[in-house]
C-alpha atoms as a PDB file:
ATOM      1  CA  UNK A   1     -21.251  12.248  10.007  1.00  0.00           C
ATOM      2  CA  UNK A   2     -20.504  14.995   7.334  1.00  0.00           C
ATOM      3  CA  UNK A   3     -21.474  14.380   3.828  1.00  0.00           C
ATOM      4  CA  UNK A   4     -18.476  15.056   1.500  1.00  0.00           C
ATOM      5  CA  UNK A   5     -19.491  16.437  -1.967  1.00  0.00           C
ATOM      6  CA  UNK A   6     -17.751  16.744  -4.970  1.00  0.00           C
ATOM      7  CA  UNK A   7     -15.644  13.630  -4.772  1.00  0.00           C
ATOM      8  CA  UNK A   8     -14.812  11.941  -7.987  1.00  0.00           C
ATOM      9  CA  UNK A   9     -12.179   9.510  -6.660  1.00  0.00           C
ATOM     10  CA  UNK A  10     -10.931   7.776  -3.601  1.00  0.00           C
ATOM     11  CA  UNK A  11      -7.301   6.829  -3.050  1.00  0.00           C
ATOM     12  CA  UNK A  12      -6.823   4.533   0.064  1.00  0.00           C
ATOM     13  CA  UNK A  13      -3.791   3.536   1.888  1.00  0.00           C
ATOM     14  CA  UNK A  14      -3.741  -0.329   3.012  1.00  0.00           C
ATOM     15  CA  UNK A  15      -1.756  -0.819   6.308  1.00  0.00           C
ATOM     16  CA  UNK A  16      -3.778   0.583   9.197  1.00  0.00           C
ATOM     17  CA  UNK A  17      -6.576   1.720   6.837  1.00  0.00           C
ATOM     18  CA  UNK A  18      -8.288  -1.107   4.947  1.00  0.00           C
ATOM     19  CA  UNK A  19      -6.202  -3.745   6.718  1.00  0.00           C
ATOM     20  CA  UNK A  20      -4.678  -4.598   9.986  1.00  0.00           C
ATOM     21  CA  UNK A  21      -1.123  -3.680  10.609  1.00  0.00           C
ATOM     22  CA  UNK A  22      -0.882  -6.948  12.613  1.00  0.00           C
ATOM     23  CA  UNK A  23      -1.479  -8.919   9.308  1.00  0.00           C
ATOM     24  CA  UNK A  24       1.303  -7.123   7.656  1.00  0.00           C
ATOM     25  CA  UNK A  25       3.962  -7.413  10.584  1.00  0.00           C
ATOM     26  CA  UNK A  26       2.916 -10.842  11.863  1.00  0.00           C
ATOM     27  CA  UNK A  27       2.020 -12.723   8.763  1.00  0.00           C
ATOM     28  CA  UNK A  28       3.525 -11.062   5.654  1.00  0.00           C
ATOM     29  CA  UNK A  29       6.858  -9.770   6.826  1.00  0.00           C
ATOM     30  CA  UNK A  30       8.037 -13.150   8.486  1.00  0.00           C
ATOM     31  CA  UNK A  31       6.980 -14.995   5.737  1.00  0.00           C
ATOM     32  CA  UNK A  32       9.102 -13.061   3.252  1.00  0.00           C
ATOM     33  CA  UNK A  33      11.889 -12.846   5.663  1.00  0.00           C
ATOM     34  CA  UNK A  34      12.111 -16.570   6.191  1.00  0.00           C
ATOM     35  CA  UNK A  35      11.958 -17.264   2.294  1.00  0.00           C
ATOM     36  CA  UNK A  36      13.937 -14.599   0.845  1.00  0.00           C
ATOM     37  CA  UNK A  37      17.509 -16.289   0.864  1.00  0.00           C
ATOM     38  CA  UNK A  38      15.980 -19.428  -0.949  1.00  0.00           C
ATOM     39  CA  UNK A  39      13.838 -17.248  -3.157  1.00  0.00           C
ATOM     40  CA  UNK A  40      16.871 -15.248  -4.374  1.00  0.00           C
ATOM     41  CA  UNK A  41      18.816 -18.303  -4.833  1.00  0.00           C
ATOM     42  CA  UNK A  42      16.166 -20.106  -7.061  1.00  0.00           C
ATOM     43  CA  UNK A  43      14.817 -17.199  -8.792  1.00  0.00           C
ATOM     44  CA  UNK A  44      18.039 -14.923  -9.458  1.00  0.00           C
ATOM     45  CA  UNK A  45      17.873 -15.869 -13.178  1.00  0.00           C
ATOM     46  CA  UNK A  46      14.530 -14.126 -13.564  1.00  0.00           C
ATOM     47  CA  UNK A  47      14.933 -10.617 -15.114  1.00  0.00           C
ATOM     48  CA  UNK A  48      12.536  -8.846 -12.539  1.00  0.00           C
ATOM     49  CA  UNK A  49      14.389 -10.297  -9.749  1.00  0.00           C
ATOM     50  CA  UNK A  50      17.787  -9.551 -11.190  1.00  0.00           C
ATOM     51  CA  UNK A  51      16.544  -5.899 -11.657  1.00  0.00           C
ATOM     52  CA  UNK A  52      15.158  -5.481  -8.067  1.00  0.00           C
ATOM     53  CA  UNK A  53      18.420  -7.096  -6.577  1.00  0.00           C
ATOM     54  CA  UNK A  54      20.514  -4.559  -8.565  1.00  0.00           C
ATOM     55  CA  UNK A  55      18.274  -1.699  -7.540  1.00  0.00           C
ATOM     56  CA  UNK A  56      18.679  -2.683  -3.849  1.00  0.00           C
ATOM     57  CA  UNK A  57      22.509  -2.768  -4.273  1.00  0.00           C
ATOM     58  CA  UNK A  58      22.293   0.630  -5.994  1.00  0.00           C
ATOM     59  CA  UNK A  59      20.203   2.202  -3.414  1.00  0.00           C
ATOM     60  CA  UNK A  60      22.592   1.060  -0.717  1.00  0.00           C
ATOM     61  CA  UNK A  61      25.757   2.168  -2.553  1.00  0.00           C
ATOM     62  CA  UNK A  62      27.072  -1.288  -2.716  1.00  0.00           C
ATOM     63  CA  UNK A  63      29.519  -1.956  -5.729  1.00  0.00           C
ATOM     64  CA  UNK A  64      30.187  -5.398  -7.058  1.00  0.00           C
ATOM     65  CA  UNK A  65      28.131  -7.028  -4.198  1.00  0.00           C
ATOM     66  CA  UNK A  66      27.473 -10.623  -4.183  1.00  0.00           C
ATOM     67  CA  UNK A  67      23.957 -12.108  -4.032  1.00  0.00           C
ATOM     68  CA  UNK A  68      24.478 -12.980  -0.301  1.00  0.00           C
ATOM     69  CA  UNK A  69      25.425  -9.395   0.537  1.00  0.00           C
ATOM     70  CA  UNK A  70      22.316  -8.032  -1.265  1.00  0.00           C
ATOM     71  CA  UNK A  71      20.141 -10.693   0.693  1.00  0.00           C
ATOM     72  CA  UNK A  72      21.786  -9.803   4.163  1.00  0.00           C
ATOM     73  CA  UNK A  73      21.000  -6.100   3.155  1.00  0.00           C
ATOM     74  CA  UNK A  74      17.286  -6.941   2.324  1.00  0.00           C
ATOM     75  CA  UNK A  75      16.853  -8.831   5.542  1.00  0.00           C
ATOM     76  CA  UNK A  76      18.360  -5.951   7.477  1.00  0.00           C
ATOM     77  CA  UNK A  77      15.691  -3.631   5.697  1.00  0.00           C
ATOM     78  CA  UNK A  78      12.950  -6.047   6.676  1.00  0.00           C
ATOM     79  CA  UNK A  79      13.950  -5.749  10.179  1.00  0.00           C
ATOM     80  CA  UNK A  80      14.125  -2.050   9.874  1.00  0.00           C
ATOM     81  CA  UNK A  81      10.766  -1.914   8.224  1.00  0.00           C
ATOM     82  CA  UNK A  82      12.407   0.063   5.386  1.00  0.00           C
ATOM     83  CA  UNK A  83      10.005   1.366   2.827  1.00  0.00           C
ATOM     84  CA  UNK A  84      12.542   0.783   0.139  1.00  0.00           C
ATOM     85  CA  UNK A  85      11.118   0.069  -3.329  1.00  0.00           C
ATOM     86  CA  UNK A  86      13.252  -2.877  -4.276  1.00  0.00           C
ATOM     87  CA  UNK A  87      12.429  -4.613  -1.024  1.00  0.00           C
ATOM     88  CA  UNK A  88       8.776  -4.009  -1.446  1.00  0.00           C
ATOM     89  CA  UNK A  89       8.900  -5.421  -4.825  1.00  0.00           C
ATOM     90  CA  UNK A  90      10.804  -8.643  -4.036  1.00  0.00           C
ATOM     91  CA  UNK A  91       8.332  -9.214  -1.068  1.00  0.00           C
ATOM     92  CA  UNK A  92       5.547  -9.069  -3.300  1.00  0.00           C
ATOM     93  CA  UNK A  93       6.987 -11.608  -5.645  1.00  0.00           C
ATOM     94  CA  UNK A  94       7.536 -13.940  -2.437  1.00  0.00           C
ATOM     95  CA  UNK A  95       4.129 -13.386  -1.004  1.00  0.00           C
ATOM     96  CA  UNK A  96       2.618 -14.608  -4.435  1.00  0.00           C
ATOM     97  CA  UNK A  97       3.404 -18.067  -3.475  1.00  0.00           C
ATOM     98  CA  UNK A  98       1.681 -17.700   0.063  1.00  0.00           C
ATOM     99  CA  UNK A  99      -1.411 -16.435  -1.349  1.00  0.00           C
ATOM    100  CA  UNK A 100      -1.522 -18.849  -4.442  1.00  0.00           C
ATOM    101  CA  UNK A 101      -0.963 -21.918  -1.938  1.00  0.00           C
ATOM    102  CA  UNK A 102      -3.693 -20.605   0.505  1.00  0.00           C
ATOM    103  CA  UNK A 103      -1.172 -20.185   3.482  1.00  0.00           C
ATOM    104  CA  UNK A 104      -2.938 -16.880   4.207  1.00  0.00           C
ATOM    105  CA  UNK A 105      -5.452 -14.522   2.847  1.00  0.00           C
ATOM    106  CA  UNK A 106      -5.272 -10.812   2.821  1.00  0.00           C
ATOM    107  CA  UNK A 107      -6.747  -9.212   5.830  1.00  0.00           C
ATOM    108  CA  UNK A 108      -9.459  -6.438   5.327  1.00  0.00           C
ATOM    109  CA  UNK A 109     -11.581  -4.880   7.853  1.00  0.00           C
ATOM    110  CA  UNK A 110     -15.270  -6.224   7.800  1.00  0.00           C
ATOM    111  CA  UNK A 111     -16.930  -3.015   6.567  1.00  0.00           C
ATOM    112  CA  UNK A 112     -14.467  -2.292   3.737  1.00  0.00           C
ATOM    113  CA  UNK A 113     -15.921  -4.262   0.988  1.00  0.00           C
ATOM    114  CA  UNK A 114     -19.369  -3.056   1.160  1.00  0.00           C
ATOM    115  CA  UNK A 115     -18.239   0.504   1.355  1.00  0.00           C
ATOM    116  CA  UNK A 116     -15.969   0.234  -1.694  1.00  0.00           C
ATOM    117  CA  UNK A 117     -18.871  -1.436  -3.545  1.00  0.00           C
ATOM    118  CA  UNK A 118     -21.168   1.364  -2.606  1.00  0.00           C
ATOM    119  CA  UNK A 119     -18.887   4.153  -3.707  1.00  0.00           C
ATOM    120  CA  UNK A 120     -18.052   2.327  -6.981  1.00  0.00           C
ATOM    121  CA  UNK A 121     -21.931   2.167  -7.551  1.00  0.00           C
ATOM    122  CA  UNK A 122     -22.016   5.844  -7.171  1.00  0.00           C
ATOM    123  CA  UNK A 123     -19.697   6.283  -9.976  1.00  0.00           C
ATOM    124  CA  UNK A 124     -16.546   7.116  -7.708  1.00  0.00           C
ATOM    125  CA  UNK A 125     -13.211   5.780  -9.059  1.00  0.00           C
ATOM    126  CA  UNK A 126     -11.293   3.787  -6.478  1.00  0.00           C
ATOM    127  CA  UNK A 127      -7.422   3.644  -6.268  1.00  0.00           C
ATOM    128  CA  UNK A 128      -4.885   2.239  -3.885  1.00  0.00           C
ATOM    129  CA  UNK A 129      -1.574   3.971  -2.773  1.00  0.00           C
ATOM    130  CA  UNK A 130       0.693   1.932  -0.596  1.00  0.00           C
ATOM    131  CA  UNK A 131       4.224   1.673   0.354  1.00  0.00           C
ATOM    132  CA  UNK A 132       3.867  -2.008  -0.642  1.00  0.00           C
ATOM    133  CA  UNK A 133       4.468  -2.850  -4.377  1.00  0.00           C
ATOM    134  CA  UNK A 134       1.755  -2.755  -6.927  1.00  0.00           C
ATOM    135  CA  UNK A 135       2.071  -6.607  -7.128  1.00  0.00           C
ATOM    136  CA  UNK A 136       1.666  -6.967  -3.386  1.00  0.00           C
ATOM    137  CA  UNK A 137      -1.326  -4.591  -3.354  1.00  0.00           C
ATOM    138  CA  UNK A 138      -3.124  -6.748  -6.197  1.00  0.00           C
ATOM    139  CA  UNK A 139      -2.280  -9.916  -4.075  1.00  0.00           C
ATOM    140  CA  UNK A 140      -3.681  -8.759  -0.762  1.00  0.00           C
ATOM    141  CA  UNK A 141      -6.923  -7.578  -2.569  1.00  0.00           C
ATOM    142  CA  UNK A 142      -7.180 -10.492  -4.911  1.00  0.00           C
ATOM    143  CA  UNK A 143      -6.796 -13.042  -2.209  1.00  0.00           C
ATOM    144  CA  UNK A 144      -8.572 -11.274   0.548  1.00  0.00           C
ATOM    145  CA  UNK A 145     -10.840 -12.536   3.427  1.00  0.00           C
ATOM    146  CA  UNK A 146     -13.607 -10.747   1.685  1.00  0.00           C
ATOM    147  CA  UNK A 147     -13.040 -12.271  -1.707  1.00  0.00           C
ATOM    148  CA  UNK A 148     -11.518 -10.704  -4.779  1.00  0.00           C
ATOM    149  CA  UNK A 149     -11.720  -7.029  -4.560  1.00  0.00           C
ATOM    150  CA  UNK A 150      -9.432  -6.171  -7.517  1.00  0.00           C
ATOM    151  CA  UNK A 151     -12.458  -5.521  -9.742  1.00  0.00           C
ATOM    152  CA  UNK A 152     -13.424  -2.627  -7.616  1.00  0.00           C
ATOM    153  CA  UNK A 153     -10.179  -0.754  -8.196  1.00  0.00           C
ATOM    154  CA  UNK A 154      -9.337   1.449 -11.205  1.00  0.00           C
ATOM    155  CA  UNK A 155      -5.570   1.660 -10.520  1.00  0.00           C
ATOM    156  CA  UNK A 156      -2.749   1.052  -7.930  1.00  0.00           C
ATOM    157  CA  UNK A 157       0.197   3.248  -7.104  1.00  0.00           C
ATOM    158  CA  UNK A 158       3.327   2.498  -5.154  1.00  0.00           C
ATOM    159  CA  UNK A 159       6.469   4.355  -4.055  1.00  0.00           C
ATOM    160  CA  UNK A 160       7.752   4.320  -7.708  1.00  0.00           C
ATOM    161  CA  UNK A 161       5.603   7.302  -8.100  1.00  0.00           C
ATOM    162  CA  UNK A 162       7.107   8.780  -5.067  1.00  0.00           C
ATOM    163  CA  UNK A 163       7.312   8.696  -1.161  1.00  0.00           C
ATOM    164  CA  UNK A 164       4.023   8.897   0.615  1.00  0.00           C
ATOM    165  CA  UNK A 165       5.048  11.757   2.753  1.00  0.00           C
ATOM    166  CA  UNK A 166       6.061  13.814  -0.224  1.00  0.00           C
ATOM    167  CA  UNK A 167       3.326  16.180  -1.541  1.00  0.00           C
ATOM    168  CA  UNK A 168       4.617  15.771  -5.159  1.00  0.00           C
ATOM    169  CA  UNK A 169       3.613  12.205  -5.129  1.00  0.00           C
ATOM    170  CA  UNK A 170      -0.053  13.068  -4.636  1.00  0.00           C
ATOM    171  CA  UNK A 171       0.237  15.582  -7.480  1.00  0.00           C
ATOM    172  CA  UNK A 172       1.404  12.834  -9.692  1.00  0.00           C
ATOM    173  CA  UNK A 173      -1.265  10.718  -8.621  1.00  0.00           C
ATOM    174  CA  UNK A 174      -3.808  13.354  -9.394  1.00  0.00           C
ATOM    175  CA  UNK A 175      -2.328  13.936 -12.862  1.00  0.00           C
ATOM    176  CA  UNK A 176      -2.361  10.286 -13.493  1.00  0.00           C
ATOM    177  CA  UNK A 177      -6.057   9.857 -12.774  1.00  0.00           C
ATOM    178  CA  UNK A 178      -6.953  12.863 -14.657  1.00  0.00           C
ATOM    179  CA  UNK A 179      -8.755  14.803 -11.846  1.00  0.00           C
ATOM    180  CA  UNK A 180      -8.209  18.084  -9.861  1.00  0.00           C
ATOM    181  CA  UNK A 181      -6.823  17.310  -6.477  1.00  0.00           C
ATOM    182  CA  UNK A 182      -9.729  18.753  -4.577  1.00  0.00           C
ATOM    183  CA  UNK A 183     -12.104  15.997  -6.231  1.00  0.00           C
ATOM    184  CA  UNK A 184      -9.911  13.300  -4.591  1.00  0.00           C
ATOM    185  CA  UNK A 185     -10.296  11.861  -1.119  1.00  0.00           C
ATOM    186  CA  UNK A 186      -7.273  10.333   0.453  1.00  0.00           C
ATOM    187  CA  UNK A 187      -7.673   7.857   3.265  1.00  0.00           C
ATOM    188  CA  UNK A 188      -4.824   6.881   5.633  1.00  0.00           C
ATOM    189  CA  UNK A 189      -4.074   6.253   9.370  1.00  0.00           C
ATOM    190  CA  UNK A 190      -0.771   8.127   8.997  1.00  0.00           C
ATOM    191  CA  UNK A 191      -0.794  12.048   9.752  1.00  0.00           C
ATOM    192  CA  UNK A 192       2.300  12.550   7.719  1.00  0.00           C
ATOM    193  CA  UNK A 193       0.741  11.050   4.698  1.00  0.00           C
ATOM    194  CA  UNK A 194      -2.446  12.936   5.117  1.00  0.00           C
ATOM    195  CA  UNK A 195      -0.380  16.215   5.484  1.00  0.00           C
ATOM    196  CA  UNK A 196       1.409  15.593   2.249  1.00  0.00           C
ATOM    197  CA  UNK A 197      -1.899  14.777   0.574  1.00  0.00           C
ATOM    198  CA  UNK A 198      -3.448  17.874   2.042  1.00  0.00           C
ATOM    199  CA  UNK A 199      -0.535  20.008   0.658  1.00  0.00           C
ATOM    200  CA  UNK A 200      -1.205  18.665  -2.693  1.00  0.00           C
ATOM    201  CA  UNK A 201      -4.951  19.763  -2.600  1.00  0.00           C
ATOM    202  CA  UNK A 202      -6.447  16.444  -1.668  1.00  0.00           C
ATOM    203  CA  UNK A 203      -9.406  15.893   0.538  1.00  0.00           C
ATOM    204  CA  UNK A 204      -8.377  13.748   3.574  1.00  0.00           C
ATOM    205  CA  UNK A 205      -9.746  11.561   6.329  1.00  0.00           C
ATOM    206  CA  UNK A 206      -7.670   9.760   8.993  1.00  0.00           C
ATOM    207  CA  UNK A 207      -8.835   6.255   9.852  1.00  0.00           C
ATOM    208  CA  UNK A 208      -8.334   5.829  13.665  1.00  0.00           C
ATOM    209  CA  UNK A 209      -8.089   1.883  13.810  1.00  0.00           C
ATOM    210  CA  UNK A 210      -7.081   0.169  17.134  1.00  0.00           C
ATOM    211  CA  UNK A 211      -3.412   0.339  15.907  1.00  0.00           C
ATOM    212  CA  UNK A 212      -3.465   4.286  15.124  1.00  0.00           C
ATOM    213  CA  UNK A 213      -0.811   5.835  17.188  1.00  0.00           C
ATOM    214  CA  UNK A 214      -0.899   9.491  16.354  1.00  0.00           C
ATOM    215  CA  UNK A 215      -4.230  11.280  16.101  1.00  0.00           C
ATOM    216  CA  UNK A 216      -4.374  14.284  13.822  1.00  0.00           C
ATOM    217  CA  UNK A 217      -6.117  17.582  14.993  1.00  0.00           C
ATOM    218  CA  UNK A 218      -6.028  18.929  11.502  1.00  0.00           C
ATOM    219  CA  UNK A 219      -7.880  16.147   9.480  1.00  0.00           C
ATOM    220  CA  UNK A 220     -11.291  14.713   9.832  1.00  0.00           C
ATOM    221  CA  UNK A 221     -11.192  11.344  11.960  1.00  0.00           C
ATOM    222  CA  UNK A 222     -13.377   8.307  11.498  1.00  0.00           C
ATOM    223  CA  UNK A 223     -13.215   4.951  13.119  1.00  0.00           C
ATOM    224  CA  UNK A 224     -14.055   2.815  10.093  1.00  0.00           C
ATOM    225  CA  UNK A 225     -15.390   3.264   6.492  1.00  0.00           C
ATOM    226  CA  UNK A 226     -19.017   3.093   7.764  1.00  0.00           C
ATOM    227  CA  UNK A 227     -18.474   6.589   9.054  1.00  0.00           C
ATOM    228  CA  UNK A 228     -17.510   8.063   5.628  1.00  0.00           C
ATOM    229  CA  UNK A 229     -20.385   9.456   3.717  1.00  0.00           C
ATOM    230  CA  UNK A 230     -19.750  10.667   0.132  1.00  0.00           C
ATOM    231  CA  UNK A 231     -22.459  12.669  -1.652  1.00  0.00           C
END
């Protein structure tokens, strides 16, 4: 196990990295899909809901679309696993009810909490970057199987800062956290995201979880957070 020196911050992905892809696909997505129509009908007067519905229509090029047309669009995006910011924002709002009622808790792999706590004690700043909305990220870690992990994180980023496969997104993150890119370690299971982070100057490690499909030959690989040593 190589010791990584000169790291001041860790930015972690969620799905396939800190948490199981199955939890997202088998619990969160079906929950939001089943409740989306009723949620829009009962919450369409909320400014934030109106905003994201309009953003979804704008992104799809729909003009003067009805709420039902937008709901149908969002359902299709869920089925396609579309990484659309308006959809992710609305899903986060719907999941809030499920977490609050205790219908489910956010999955995190068993070794994640202890390693995040260890790195934080070392003075390393911890951040999340996920295609899920910041609201959804805070809900998952705030209601996780390992307890409330949100006090461990210094900040959260979603696709409003840019796509996860675009190098400029990581440059913006480095600017936002106020650190040189080579002092930031990015953790993800996806090669395309790691490539983008590497192009921006980040240090990178690929998490090879049971769900990982494409193994990188360019990035250091580990099976879990226990295999990551930061000096």
